[in-house]
C-alpha cells in the first residue's frame, strides 16, 4: 500500500480537527495540525505585545522561535514553543483572530512553509490547515476541502469554547467566524480556497463518522 500524504483544508468550525485526527488514527498515519503552528506564533506574539502590523517585531520573534509537536503520555499531540508547552493557550477567540491576521503576512507563511514540508516529507500523514492542498503540498494525491454552514460552524465552536470553560456569546462567535472567513478567503497570499483537484465535503448534516468514511474511501482507492 502506498503511504499517501492527505490534506484536509477548510474554514474554522468545519470539523477539520476531529475529522483529521480520526482519519489519521484509522489510517495509522501521523496527524499534523498546521493551524496550531500559526496559533503558536500568535500566542508568543501576543505575550510579547507584538501585533500583526508589526512585521519587524514578528520577524524578531520568528528568528528566535522554535515550534515543534510532541506526544504526551496519553498519545495526544502537544505544541511546544521553545520547549514550553503552549497547547492550552491556542484555542481562545483572541488567538484565533490574531493567527488569522498574522497568517496573511508573506514572511510568516514562508517561515512555516519549510517546517510543514519537512514534517510531511515521508508521507503517511494527515495535514489539517487552510492551504495544505493549494500551496504547501500541491502534489499531494489525496486532497479534501471540508466546509459547513456558518451557523452550524459557529454552534460547534461555541460548544467547544464552553466545554473549555470560555463563556462567549454565540453571536460573537458567529461574527468572528464570518470575519475570519472573509479575511482568510480574500488575503493576497495563499487565500482559503479548495485545490482544483480536492474532493469537496460539506459536513453540515453529516456525522464525523460519515465524513471520515467518505475520506477513507477516496484515500484507499488512491492507495491501490
N, C-alpha and C. Protein backbone atom coordinates (compact mmCIF):
# COMPACT_ATOMS: atom_id res chain seq x y z
N UNK A 1 0.84 -1.20 0.00
CA UNK A 1 0.00 0.00 0.00
C UNK A 1 0.88 1.25 0.00
N UNK A 2 0.53 2.22 -0.82
CA UNK A 2 1.26 3.48 -0.87
C UNK A 2 1.04 4.26 0.42
N UNK A 3 2.08 4.96 0.86
CA UNK A 3 1.95 5.87 2.01
C UNK A 3 1.65 7.26 1.47
N UNK A 4 0.41 7.66 1.55
CA UNK A 4 -0.01 8.92 0.96
C UNK A 4 0.09 10.08 1.94
N UNK A 5 0.16 11.26 1.36
CA UNK A 5 0.03 12.50 2.12
C UNK A 5 -1.41 12.96 1.92
N UNK A 6 -2.15 13.12 3.01
CA UNK A 6 -3.56 13.52 2.96
C UNK A 6 -3.68 14.95 3.46
N UNK A 7 -4.31 15.83 2.67
CA UNK A 7 -4.52 17.21 3.12
C UNK A 7 -6.01 17.47 3.30
N UNK A 8 -6.35 18.10 4.41
CA UNK A 8 -7.74 18.45 4.70
C UNK A 8 -7.79 19.94 5.04
N UNK A 9 -8.27 20.73 4.11
CA UNK A 9 -8.38 22.17 4.28
C UNK A 9 -9.83 22.56 4.52
N UNK A 10 -10.02 23.81 4.97
CA UNK A 10 -11.37 24.31 5.16
C UNK A 10 -11.43 25.41 6.18
N UNK A 11 -12.57 26.08 6.30
CA UNK A 11 -12.72 27.21 7.23
C UNK A 11 -12.86 26.76 8.68
N UNK A 12 -12.82 27.74 9.58
CA UNK A 12 -12.95 27.47 11.02
C UNK A 12 -14.30 26.84 11.33
N UNK A 13 -14.29 25.83 12.19
CA UNK A 13 -15.53 25.22 12.65
C UNK A 13 -16.14 24.19 11.73
N UNK A 14 -15.43 23.83 10.65
CA UNK A 14 -15.98 22.85 9.70
C UNK A 14 -15.83 21.43 10.22
N UNK A 15 -15.06 21.27 11.29
CA UNK A 15 -14.84 19.93 11.84
C UNK A 15 -13.52 19.32 11.41
N UNK A 16 -12.61 20.14 10.90
CA UNK A 16 -11.35 19.61 10.36
C UNK A 16 -10.53 18.86 11.41
N UNK A 17 -10.45 19.42 12.62
CA UNK A 17 -9.60 18.81 13.64
C UNK A 17 -10.09 17.41 14.01
N UNK A 18 -11.37 17.29 14.33
CA UNK A 18 -11.92 15.99 14.71
C UNK A 18 -11.81 15.00 13.57
N UNK A 19 -12.17 15.44 12.37
CA UNK A 19 -12.14 14.57 11.20
C UNK A 19 -10.71 14.16 10.87
N UNK A 20 -9.78 15.11 10.92
CA UNK A 20 -8.39 14.82 10.57
C UNK A 20 -7.76 13.85 11.57
N UNK A 21 -8.02 14.07 12.85
CA UNK A 21 -7.48 13.17 13.87
C UNK A 21 -8.00 11.74 13.69
N UNK A 22 -9.30 11.62 13.45
CA UNK A 22 -9.88 10.28 13.29
C UNK A 22 -9.41 9.63 12.00
N UNK A 23 -9.27 10.41 10.94
CA UNK A 23 -8.75 9.87 9.68
C UNK A 23 -7.35 9.34 9.88
N UNK A 24 -6.50 10.13 10.56
CA UNK A 24 -5.12 9.70 10.82
C UNK A 24 -5.10 8.45 11.69
N UNK A 25 -5.96 8.41 12.70
CA UNK A 25 -5.99 7.25 13.59
C UNK A 25 -6.35 5.99 12.83
N UNK A 26 -7.36 6.07 11.99
CA UNK A 26 -7.82 4.89 11.27
C UNK A 26 -6.84 4.45 10.18
N UNK A 27 -6.06 5.37 9.68
CA UNK A 27 -5.05 5.02 8.68
C UNK A 27 -3.73 4.61 9.33
N UNK A 28 -3.56 4.91 10.61
CA UNK A 28 -2.28 4.68 11.25
C UNK A 28 -1.24 5.71 10.83
N UNK A 29 -1.72 6.90 10.43
CA UNK A 29 -0.86 7.98 9.96
C UNK A 29 -0.60 8.99 11.08
N UNK A 30 0.42 9.82 10.88
CA UNK A 30 0.65 10.95 11.77
C UNK A 30 -0.39 12.03 11.49
N UNK A 31 -0.75 12.79 12.51
CA UNK A 31 -1.69 13.90 12.35
C UNK A 31 -0.95 15.20 12.63
N UNK A 32 -1.07 16.18 11.73
CA UNK A 32 -0.39 17.46 11.89
C UNK A 32 -1.41 18.59 11.77
N UNK A 33 -1.59 19.32 12.87
CA UNK A 33 -2.49 20.48 12.90
C UNK A 33 -1.66 21.72 12.57
N UNK A 34 -1.64 22.11 11.29
CA UNK A 34 -0.80 23.24 10.90
C UNK A 34 -1.35 24.57 11.43
N UNK A 35 -2.67 24.62 11.68
CA UNK A 35 -3.23 25.83 12.26
C UNK A 35 -2.64 26.12 13.63
N UNK A 36 -2.26 25.05 14.35
CA UNK A 36 -1.65 25.23 15.67
C UNK A 36 -0.33 25.97 15.57
N UNK A 37 0.38 25.81 14.45
CA UNK A 37 1.66 26.49 14.28
C UNK A 37 1.43 28.00 14.20
N UNK A 38 0.41 28.42 13.42
CA UNK A 38 0.09 29.84 13.33
C UNK A 38 -0.42 30.36 14.67
N UNK A 39 -1.22 29.55 15.34
CA UNK A 39 -1.72 29.96 16.66
C UNK A 39 -0.57 30.07 17.65
N UNK A 40 0.40 29.16 17.53
CA UNK A 40 1.55 29.20 18.42
C UNK A 40 2.33 30.50 18.26
N UNK A 41 2.54 30.90 17.01
CA UNK A 41 3.21 32.17 16.75
C UNK A 41 2.38 33.32 17.32
N UNK A 42 1.05 33.24 17.16
CA UNK A 42 0.17 34.28 17.66
C UNK A 42 0.25 34.40 19.18
N UNK A 43 0.31 33.25 19.88
CA UNK A 43 0.42 33.27 21.34
C UNK A 43 1.69 33.97 21.78
N UNK A 44 2.81 33.61 21.15
CA UNK A 44 4.10 34.20 21.53
C UNK A 44 4.13 35.68 21.19
N UNK A 45 3.55 36.04 20.03
CA UNK A 45 3.49 37.45 19.64
C UNK A 45 2.69 38.26 20.66
N UNK A 46 1.52 37.73 21.04
CA UNK A 46 0.67 38.43 22.00
C UNK A 46 1.38 38.60 23.34
N UNK A 47 2.07 37.56 23.77
CA UNK A 47 2.79 37.63 25.05
C UNK A 47 3.89 38.70 25.03
N UNK A 48 4.38 38.99 23.82
CA UNK A 48 5.44 39.99 23.69
C UNK A 48 4.92 41.34 23.20
N UNK A 49 3.60 41.48 23.18
CA UNK A 49 2.99 42.74 22.79
C UNK A 49 3.21 43.11 21.33
N UNK A 50 3.35 42.09 20.47
CA UNK A 50 3.58 42.32 19.04
C UNK A 50 2.31 42.03 18.27
N UNK A 51 1.79 43.03 17.55
CA UNK A 51 0.58 42.87 16.77
C UNK A 51 0.87 42.48 15.34
N UNK A 52 -0.16 42.13 14.56
CA UNK A 52 0.04 41.69 13.17
C UNK A 52 0.60 42.77 12.27
N UNK A 53 0.47 44.06 12.67
CA UNK A 53 1.01 45.14 11.85
C UNK A 53 2.49 45.40 12.09
N UNK A 54 3.05 44.77 13.12
CA UNK A 54 4.45 44.97 13.47
C UNK A 54 5.30 43.86 12.84
N UNK A 55 5.58 44.02 11.54
CA UNK A 55 6.31 42.96 10.83
C UNK A 55 7.74 42.80 11.33
N UNK A 56 8.37 43.90 11.74
CA UNK A 56 9.72 43.80 12.29
C UNK A 56 9.72 43.04 13.61
N UNK A 57 8.71 43.31 14.43
CA UNK A 57 8.59 42.60 15.69
C UNK A 57 8.34 41.12 15.49
N UNK A 58 7.48 40.78 14.52
CA UNK A 58 7.21 39.38 14.21
C UNK A 58 8.47 38.70 13.68
N UNK A 59 9.23 39.42 12.85
CA UNK A 59 10.47 38.85 12.30
C UNK A 59 11.44 38.50 13.42
N UNK A 60 11.53 39.38 14.44
CA UNK A 60 12.42 39.11 15.58
C UNK A 60 11.96 37.87 16.34
N UNK A 61 10.64 37.75 16.51
CA UNK A 61 10.11 36.59 17.22
C UNK A 61 10.40 35.31 16.44
N UNK A 62 10.15 35.31 15.13
CA UNK A 62 10.36 34.12 14.31
C UNK A 62 11.82 33.70 14.28
N UNK A 63 12.71 34.69 14.33
CA UNK A 63 14.14 34.40 14.31
C UNK A 63 14.58 33.60 15.52
N UNK A 64 13.88 33.78 16.63
CA UNK A 64 14.27 33.14 17.88
C UNK A 64 13.27 32.10 18.38
N UNK A 65 12.33 31.71 17.52
CA UNK A 65 11.26 30.81 17.94
C UNK A 65 11.38 29.44 17.29
N UNK A 66 11.29 28.41 18.11
CA UNK A 66 11.23 27.03 17.63
C UNK A 66 9.89 26.43 18.02
N UNK A 67 9.15 25.94 17.03
CA UNK A 67 7.87 25.28 17.28
C UNK A 67 8.00 23.81 16.91
N UNK A 68 7.51 22.94 17.79
CA UNK A 68 7.54 21.51 17.48
C UNK A 68 6.41 20.80 18.20
N UNK A 69 6.00 19.67 17.64
CA UNK A 69 4.96 18.84 18.25
C UNK A 69 5.61 17.69 19.01
N UNK A 70 5.05 17.39 20.17
CA UNK A 70 5.45 16.20 20.92
C UNK A 70 4.20 15.53 21.46
N UNK A 71 4.26 14.21 21.62
CA UNK A 71 3.12 13.49 22.18
C UNK A 71 3.28 13.37 23.69
N UNK A 72 2.13 13.54 24.39
CA UNK A 72 2.16 13.36 25.84
C UNK A 72 1.95 11.91 26.20
N UNK A 73 1.82 11.62 27.50
CA UNK A 73 1.69 10.23 27.94
C UNK A 73 0.42 9.55 27.44
N UNK A 74 -0.58 10.37 27.06
CA UNK A 74 -1.82 9.81 26.52
C UNK A 74 -1.75 9.61 25.01
N UNK A 75 -0.67 10.06 24.40
CA UNK A 75 -0.53 9.95 22.96
C UNK A 75 -1.08 11.15 22.22
N UNK A 76 -1.53 12.18 22.97
CA UNK A 76 -2.06 13.39 22.35
C UNK A 76 -0.91 14.31 21.95
N UNK A 77 -1.13 15.04 20.84
CA UNK A 77 -0.10 15.95 20.34
C UNK A 77 -0.13 17.26 21.11
N UNK A 78 1.04 17.71 21.53
CA UNK A 78 1.20 18.98 22.24
C UNK A 78 2.15 19.87 21.44
N UNK A 79 1.87 21.18 21.45
CA UNK A 79 2.74 22.12 20.75
C UNK A 79 3.66 22.81 21.74
N UNK A 80 4.96 22.75 21.44
CA UNK A 80 5.96 23.39 22.29
C UNK A 80 6.57 24.57 21.56
N UNK A 81 6.62 25.71 22.23
CA UNK A 81 7.29 26.90 21.71
C UNK A 81 8.55 27.10 22.54
N UNK A 82 9.70 26.94 21.90
CA UNK A 82 10.98 27.00 22.64
C UNK A 82 10.94 26.08 23.86
N UNK A 83 10.42 24.87 23.62
CA UNK A 83 10.33 23.80 24.63
C UNK A 83 9.34 24.07 25.75
N UNK A 84 8.47 25.09 25.60
CA UNK A 84 7.41 25.37 26.58
C UNK A 84 6.08 24.94 25.99
N UNK A 85 5.33 24.13 26.71
CA UNK A 85 4.05 23.64 26.23
C UNK A 85 3.02 24.77 26.26
N UNK A 86 2.54 25.17 25.07
CA UNK A 86 1.55 26.25 24.98
C UNK A 86 0.22 25.76 24.43
N UNK A 87 0.03 24.45 24.40
CA UNK A 87 -1.16 23.87 23.78
C UNK A 87 -2.46 24.45 24.34
N UNK A 88 -2.51 24.62 25.67
CA UNK A 88 -3.75 25.07 26.30
C UNK A 88 -4.05 26.55 26.06
N UNK A 89 -3.14 27.26 25.41
CA UNK A 89 -3.34 28.68 25.13
C UNK A 89 -3.80 28.94 23.71
N UNK A 90 -3.94 27.88 22.90
CA UNK A 90 -4.13 28.05 21.46
C UNK A 90 -5.55 28.34 21.02
N UNK A 91 -6.56 27.98 21.81
CA UNK A 91 -7.93 27.95 21.29
C UNK A 91 -8.82 29.09 21.74
N UNK A 92 -8.25 30.20 22.20
CA UNK A 92 -9.09 31.34 22.55
C UNK A 92 -9.51 32.07 21.27
N UNK A 93 -10.61 32.80 21.36
CA UNK A 93 -11.08 33.58 20.21
C UNK A 93 -10.04 34.62 19.81
N UNK A 94 -9.40 35.22 20.81
CA UNK A 94 -8.41 36.26 20.54
C UNK A 94 -7.22 35.70 19.76
N UNK A 95 -6.75 34.53 20.16
CA UNK A 95 -5.63 33.90 19.45
C UNK A 95 -6.05 33.51 18.03
N UNK A 96 -7.29 33.05 17.88
CA UNK A 96 -7.79 32.69 16.55
C UNK A 96 -7.75 33.88 15.61
N UNK A 97 -8.22 35.02 16.08
CA UNK A 97 -8.26 36.21 15.23
C UNK A 97 -6.85 36.71 14.93
N UNK A 98 -5.96 36.68 15.92
CA UNK A 98 -4.59 37.12 15.69
C UNK A 98 -3.87 36.17 14.74
N UNK A 99 -4.12 34.88 14.88
CA UNK A 99 -3.50 33.90 13.99
C UNK A 99 -3.94 34.13 12.55
N UNK A 100 -5.22 34.45 12.36
CA UNK A 100 -5.72 34.74 11.01
C UNK A 100 -5.02 35.95 10.43
N UNK A 101 -4.79 36.96 11.26
CA UNK A 101 -4.16 38.20 10.79
C UNK A 101 -2.69 37.96 10.43
N UNK A 102 -1.94 37.28 11.29
CA UNK A 102 -0.52 37.09 11.00
C UNK A 102 -0.30 36.11 9.85
N UNK A 103 -1.26 35.19 9.65
CA UNK A 103 -1.10 34.21 8.57
C UNK A 103 -1.21 34.84 7.19
N UNK A 104 -1.71 36.07 7.12
CA UNK A 104 -1.81 36.77 5.84
C UNK A 104 -0.48 37.37 5.41
N UNK A 105 0.51 37.38 6.30
CA UNK A 105 1.80 38.01 6.00
C UNK A 105 2.71 37.03 5.27
N UNK A 106 3.25 37.43 4.11
CA UNK A 106 4.13 36.54 3.34
C UNK A 106 5.30 36.00 4.14
N UNK A 107 5.91 36.83 4.99
CA UNK A 107 7.07 36.39 5.76
C UNK A 107 6.71 35.26 6.72
N UNK A 108 5.52 35.35 7.31
CA UNK A 108 5.07 34.31 8.24
C UNK A 108 4.83 33.00 7.50
N UNK A 109 4.16 33.07 6.37
CA UNK A 109 3.85 31.86 5.61
C UNK A 109 5.14 31.20 5.10
N UNK A 110 6.09 32.00 4.67
CA UNK A 110 7.36 31.45 4.20
C UNK A 110 8.12 30.79 5.34
N UNK A 111 8.06 31.40 6.51
CA UNK A 111 8.75 30.85 7.68
C UNK A 111 8.24 29.46 8.03
N UNK A 112 6.94 29.26 7.89
CA UNK A 112 6.35 27.98 8.25
C UNK A 112 6.33 26.97 7.11
N UNK A 113 6.55 27.43 5.89
CA UNK A 113 6.45 26.54 4.73
C UNK A 113 7.45 25.39 4.81
N UNK A 114 8.71 25.71 5.05
CA UNK A 114 9.73 24.67 5.11
C UNK A 114 9.48 23.71 6.26
N UNK A 115 9.03 24.24 7.40
CA UNK A 115 8.74 23.39 8.55
C UNK A 115 7.64 22.38 8.22
N UNK A 116 6.57 22.86 7.58
CA UNK A 116 5.46 21.98 7.24
C UNK A 116 5.87 20.92 6.22
N UNK A 117 6.63 21.33 5.21
CA UNK A 117 7.06 20.37 4.19
C UNK A 117 8.01 19.34 4.78
N UNK A 118 8.83 19.75 5.73
CA UNK A 118 9.73 18.80 6.37
C UNK A 118 8.94 17.76 7.16
N UNK A 119 7.87 18.19 7.81
CA UNK A 119 7.03 17.26 8.58
C UNK A 119 6.35 16.24 7.66
N UNK A 120 6.11 16.61 6.41
CA UNK A 120 5.39 15.72 5.50
C UNK A 120 6.26 15.01 4.49
N UNK A 121 7.57 15.07 4.65
CA UNK A 121 8.47 14.56 3.60
C UNK A 121 8.36 13.05 3.40
N UNK A 122 7.96 12.30 4.43
CA UNK A 122 7.89 10.85 4.31
C UNK A 122 6.48 10.33 4.03
N UNK A 123 5.52 11.24 3.85
CA UNK A 123 4.15 10.81 3.61
C UNK A 123 3.54 10.19 4.85
N UNK A 124 2.52 9.35 4.68
CA UNK A 124 1.85 8.68 5.80
C UNK A 124 1.44 9.68 6.88
N UNK A 125 0.86 10.81 6.44
CA UNK A 125 0.46 11.85 7.38
C UNK A 125 -0.80 12.55 6.89
N UNK A 126 -1.59 13.03 7.84
CA UNK A 126 -2.78 13.82 7.54
C UNK A 126 -2.51 15.24 8.01
N UNK A 127 -2.51 16.18 7.06
CA UNK A 127 -2.25 17.59 7.37
C UNK A 127 -3.55 18.37 7.32
N UNK A 128 -3.87 19.01 8.44
CA UNK A 128 -5.05 19.85 8.54
C UNK A 128 -4.64 21.31 8.44
N UNK A 129 -5.35 22.10 7.61
CA UNK A 129 -4.99 23.52 7.51
C UNK A 129 -5.92 24.30 6.61
N UNK A 130 -5.35 25.31 5.97
CA UNK A 130 -6.13 26.16 5.08
C UNK A 130 -5.54 26.27 3.68
N UNK A 131 -4.26 25.93 3.55
CA UNK A 131 -3.65 25.98 2.22
C UNK A 131 -2.75 24.77 1.99
N UNK A 132 -3.06 23.66 2.65
CA UNK A 132 -2.23 22.47 2.52
C UNK A 132 -2.25 21.92 1.09
N UNK A 133 -3.44 21.85 0.50
CA UNK A 133 -3.57 21.28 -0.84
C UNK A 133 -3.25 22.25 -1.96
N UNK A 134 -3.28 23.55 -1.65
CA UNK A 134 -3.05 24.55 -2.70
C UNK A 134 -1.62 25.05 -2.74
N UNK A 135 -0.98 25.21 -1.58
CA UNK A 135 0.34 25.85 -1.51
C UNK A 135 1.41 24.92 -0.93
N UNK A 136 1.14 24.36 0.23
CA UNK A 136 2.18 23.61 0.93
C UNK A 136 2.47 22.27 0.26
N UNK A 137 1.41 21.53 -0.07
CA UNK A 137 1.59 20.23 -0.71
C UNK A 137 0.74 20.14 -1.99
N UNK A 138 1.06 20.93 -3.00
CA UNK A 138 0.25 20.90 -4.24
C UNK A 138 0.31 19.56 -4.95
N UNK A 139 1.33 18.77 -4.66
CA UNK A 139 1.45 17.47 -5.31
C UNK A 139 0.81 16.32 -4.55
N UNK A 140 0.17 16.61 -3.41
CA UNK A 140 -0.48 15.56 -2.63
C UNK A 140 -1.53 14.84 -3.47
N UNK A 141 -1.65 13.54 -3.27
CA UNK A 141 -2.56 12.72 -4.09
C UNK A 141 -3.96 12.61 -3.50
N UNK A 142 -4.11 12.98 -2.23
CA UNK A 142 -5.43 12.87 -1.58
C UNK A 142 -5.74 14.18 -0.89
N UNK A 143 -6.50 15.03 -1.57
CA UNK A 143 -6.82 16.36 -1.05
C UNK A 143 -8.32 16.49 -0.79
N UNK A 144 -8.65 17.14 0.32
CA UNK A 144 -10.05 17.34 0.67
C UNK A 144 -10.26 18.77 1.15
N UNK A 145 -11.46 19.28 0.88
CA UNK A 145 -11.84 20.61 1.38
C UNK A 145 -13.16 20.43 2.12
N UNK A 146 -13.09 20.66 3.44
CA UNK A 146 -14.24 20.42 4.32
C UNK A 146 -14.87 21.74 4.72
N UNK A 147 -16.17 21.84 4.52
CA UNK A 147 -16.86 23.07 4.91
C UNK A 147 -18.20 22.72 5.57
N UNK A 148 -18.92 23.75 6.00
CA UNK A 148 -20.24 23.58 6.60
C UNK A 148 -20.89 24.96 6.67
N UNK A 149 -22.19 24.97 6.89
CA UNK A 149 -22.92 26.23 7.02
C UNK A 149 -22.32 27.05 8.18
N UNK A 150 -22.14 28.37 7.98
CA UNK A 150 -21.52 29.20 9.03
C UNK A 150 -22.22 29.12 10.38
N UNK A 151 -23.56 29.05 10.38
CA UNK A 151 -24.29 28.98 11.65
C UNK A 151 -23.98 27.68 12.39
N UNK A 152 -23.85 26.60 11.64
CA UNK A 152 -23.50 25.31 12.24
C UNK A 152 -22.07 25.34 12.76
N UNK A 153 -21.17 25.94 11.99
CA UNK A 153 -19.78 26.04 12.43
C UNK A 153 -19.67 26.87 13.70
N UNK A 154 -20.46 27.95 13.79
CA UNK A 154 -20.44 28.79 14.98
C UNK A 154 -20.96 28.02 16.20
N UNK A 155 -22.01 27.23 16.01
CA UNK A 155 -22.54 26.43 17.12
C UNK A 155 -21.49 25.44 17.63
N UNK A 156 -20.77 24.81 16.69
CA UNK A 156 -19.73 23.86 17.08
C UNK A 156 -18.62 24.56 17.87
N UNK A 157 -18.18 25.70 17.37
CA UNK A 157 -17.10 26.41 18.04
C UNK A 157 -17.57 26.94 19.40
N UNK A 158 -18.83 27.41 19.47
CA UNK A 158 -19.39 27.90 20.73
C UNK A 158 -19.41 26.79 21.78
N UNK A 159 -19.81 25.60 21.36
CA UNK A 159 -19.84 24.45 22.25
C UNK A 159 -18.43 24.09 22.70
N UNK A 160 -17.49 24.12 21.77
CA UNK A 160 -16.10 23.80 22.08
C UNK A 160 -15.53 24.77 23.11
N UNK A 161 -15.80 26.05 22.94
CA UNK A 161 -15.31 27.06 23.86
C UNK A 161 -15.96 26.90 25.24
N UNK A 162 -17.28 26.64 25.25
CA UNK A 162 -17.99 26.47 26.52
C UNK A 162 -17.46 25.26 27.28
N UNK A 163 -17.15 24.18 26.54
CA UNK A 163 -16.62 22.98 27.16
C UNK A 163 -15.25 23.24 27.79
N UNK A 164 -14.55 24.22 27.22
CA UNK A 164 -13.23 24.58 27.75
C UNK A 164 -13.33 25.65 28.84
N UNK A 165 -14.58 26.00 29.21
CA UNK A 165 -14.78 26.98 30.28
C UNK A 165 -14.74 28.42 29.82
N UNK A 166 -14.87 28.65 28.52
CA UNK A 166 -14.82 30.01 27.99
C UNK A 166 -16.23 30.40 27.53
N UNK A 167 -16.90 31.22 28.31
CA UNK A 167 -18.27 31.62 28.02
C UNK A 167 -18.27 32.85 27.10
N UNK A 168 -18.53 32.62 25.83
CA UNK A 168 -18.60 33.69 24.84
C UNK A 168 -19.94 33.58 24.13
N UNK A 169 -20.62 34.69 23.94
CA UNK A 169 -21.94 34.68 23.30
C UNK A 169 -21.86 34.06 21.91
N UNK A 170 -22.87 33.26 21.59
CA UNK A 170 -22.92 32.62 20.27
C UNK A 170 -22.82 33.66 19.16
N UNK A 171 -23.50 34.79 19.31
CA UNK A 171 -23.49 35.83 18.29
C UNK A 171 -22.08 36.35 18.03
N UNK A 172 -21.28 36.45 19.09
CA UNK A 172 -19.89 36.89 18.97
C UNK A 172 -19.07 35.86 18.21
N UNK A 173 -19.28 34.59 18.53
CA UNK A 173 -18.56 33.51 17.86
C UNK A 173 -18.90 33.50 16.36
N UNK A 174 -20.19 33.64 16.04
CA UNK A 174 -20.62 33.66 14.64
C UNK A 174 -20.01 34.85 13.91
N UNK A 175 -20.05 36.02 14.54
CA UNK A 175 -19.49 37.22 13.90
C UNK A 175 -18.00 37.04 13.63
N UNK A 176 -17.28 36.46 14.59
CA UNK A 176 -15.84 36.25 14.41
C UNK A 176 -15.56 35.24 13.29
N UNK A 177 -16.38 34.22 13.19
CA UNK A 177 -16.20 33.23 12.12
C UNK A 177 -16.41 33.86 10.75
N UNK A 178 -17.44 34.70 10.63
CA UNK A 178 -17.71 35.36 9.36
C UNK A 178 -16.58 36.32 8.98
N UNK A 179 -16.05 37.03 9.99
CA UNK A 179 -14.91 37.92 9.73
C UNK A 179 -13.70 37.11 9.30
N UNK A 180 -13.45 36.01 10.00
CA UNK A 180 -12.29 35.20 9.65
C UNK A 180 -12.45 34.58 8.26
N UNK A 181 -13.66 34.14 7.92
CA UNK A 181 -13.90 33.61 6.58
C UNK A 181 -13.51 34.63 5.52
N UNK A 182 -13.94 35.87 5.73
CA UNK A 182 -13.64 36.94 4.77
C UNK A 182 -12.14 37.20 4.71
N UNK A 183 -11.52 37.32 5.88
CA UNK A 183 -10.08 37.57 5.91
C UNK A 183 -9.29 36.46 5.24
N UNK A 184 -9.65 35.22 5.55
CA UNK A 184 -8.88 34.09 5.03
C UNK A 184 -9.07 33.90 3.52
N UNK A 185 -10.27 34.17 3.04
CA UNK A 185 -10.56 33.92 1.61
C UNK A 185 -10.17 35.07 0.70
N UNK A 186 -9.93 36.26 1.26
CA UNK A 186 -9.61 37.41 0.42
C UNK A 186 -8.17 37.89 0.56
N UNK A 187 -7.38 37.25 1.43
CA UNK A 187 -6.00 37.70 1.60
C UNK A 187 -5.22 37.46 0.31
N UNK A 188 -4.20 38.28 0.11
CA UNK A 188 -3.43 38.22 -1.13
C UNK A 188 -2.56 36.97 -1.20
N UNK A 189 -2.07 36.51 -0.05
CA UNK A 189 -1.16 35.37 -0.01
C UNK A 189 -1.91 34.13 0.44
N UNK A 190 -1.87 33.07 -0.39
CA UNK A 190 -2.47 31.78 -0.05
C UNK A 190 -3.88 31.90 0.50
N UNK A 191 -4.81 32.47 -0.26
CA UNK A 191 -6.19 32.59 0.23
C UNK A 191 -6.83 31.22 0.44
N UNK A 192 -7.79 31.19 1.35
CA UNK A 192 -8.52 29.95 1.62
C UNK A 192 -9.41 29.62 0.43
N UNK A 193 -9.13 28.50 -0.22
CA UNK A 193 -9.94 28.04 -1.34
C UNK A 193 -9.62 26.57 -1.60
N UNK A 194 -10.54 25.83 -2.21
CA UNK A 194 -10.25 24.43 -2.49
C UNK A 194 -9.21 24.30 -3.59
N UNK A 195 -8.33 23.32 -3.47
CA UNK A 195 -7.45 22.98 -4.59
C UNK A 195 -8.32 22.47 -5.74
N UNK A 196 -7.86 22.66 -6.96
CA UNK A 196 -8.65 22.25 -8.11
C UNK A 196 -8.96 20.75 -8.11
N UNK A 197 -8.05 19.97 -7.53
CA UNK A 197 -8.24 18.52 -7.51
C UNK A 197 -8.67 18.00 -6.14
N UNK A 198 -9.18 18.91 -5.29
CA UNK A 198 -9.65 18.49 -3.96
C UNK A 198 -11.07 17.94 -4.04
N UNK A 199 -11.36 16.99 -3.17
CA UNK A 199 -12.73 16.48 -3.02
C UNK A 199 -13.45 17.39 -2.03
N UNK A 200 -14.59 17.94 -2.43
CA UNK A 200 -15.35 18.85 -1.58
C UNK A 200 -16.32 18.07 -0.71
N UNK A 201 -16.30 18.35 0.60
CA UNK A 201 -17.18 17.67 1.54
C UNK A 201 -17.88 18.71 2.41
N UNK A 202 -19.20 18.63 2.49
CA UNK A 202 -19.99 19.53 3.34
C UNK A 202 -20.44 18.74 4.56
N UNK A 203 -19.99 19.16 5.74
CA UNK A 203 -20.27 18.41 6.97
C UNK A 203 -21.50 18.93 7.72
N UNK A 204 -22.25 19.86 7.10
CA UNK A 204 -23.39 20.47 7.79
C UNK A 204 -24.34 19.44 8.39
N UNK A 205 -24.72 18.46 7.58
CA UNK A 205 -25.70 17.46 8.01
C UNK A 205 -25.09 16.08 8.14
N UNK A 206 -23.77 16.00 8.29
CA UNK A 206 -23.10 14.71 8.37
C UNK A 206 -22.43 14.52 9.73
N UNK A 207 -22.37 13.29 10.17
CA UNK A 207 -21.64 12.96 11.39
C UNK A 207 -20.15 12.88 11.07
N UNK A 208 -19.34 12.90 12.11
CA UNK A 208 -17.90 12.74 11.92
C UNK A 208 -17.61 11.43 11.23
N UNK A 209 -18.30 10.38 11.64
CA UNK A 209 -18.10 9.05 11.06
C UNK A 209 -18.39 9.05 9.57
N UNK A 210 -19.45 9.72 9.16
CA UNK A 210 -19.80 9.77 7.74
C UNK A 210 -18.75 10.51 6.93
N UNK A 211 -18.24 11.61 7.47
CA UNK A 211 -17.22 12.37 6.76
C UNK A 211 -15.93 11.57 6.66
N UNK A 212 -15.52 10.94 7.76
CA UNK A 212 -14.29 10.15 7.75
C UNK A 212 -14.41 8.97 6.79
N UNK A 213 -15.56 8.32 6.79
CA UNK A 213 -15.77 7.19 5.87
C UNK A 213 -15.63 7.65 4.41
N UNK A 214 -16.16 8.82 4.10
CA UNK A 214 -16.07 9.36 2.74
C UNK A 214 -14.61 9.64 2.37
N UNK A 215 -13.86 10.18 3.30
CA UNK A 215 -12.43 10.46 3.06
C UNK A 215 -11.65 9.16 2.87
N UNK A 216 -11.89 8.20 3.75
CA UNK A 216 -11.15 6.94 3.67
C UNK A 216 -11.44 6.18 2.39
N UNK A 217 -12.66 6.28 1.89
CA UNK A 217 -12.99 5.59 0.64
C UNK A 217 -12.13 6.13 -0.50
N UNK A 218 -11.94 7.43 -0.53
CA UNK A 218 -11.11 8.04 -1.57
C UNK A 218 -9.64 7.69 -1.36
N UNK A 219 -9.18 7.81 -0.12
CA UNK A 219 -7.76 7.55 0.18
C UNK A 219 -7.40 6.10 -0.17
N UNK A 220 -8.23 5.17 0.23
CA UNK A 220 -7.90 3.76 -0.01
C UNK A 220 -7.93 3.41 -1.49
N UNK A 221 -8.79 4.09 -2.24
CA UNK A 221 -8.80 3.88 -3.69
C UNK A 221 -7.48 4.36 -4.30
N UNK A 222 -6.96 5.48 -3.79
CA UNK A 222 -5.71 6.03 -4.31
C UNK A 222 -4.48 5.24 -3.84
N UNK A 223 -4.64 4.47 -2.78
CA UNK A 223 -3.52 3.66 -2.28
C UNK A 223 -3.23 2.47 -3.19
N UNK A 224 -4.22 2.03 -3.93
CA UNK A 224 -4.09 0.80 -4.73
C UNK A 224 -3.22 1.01 -5.96
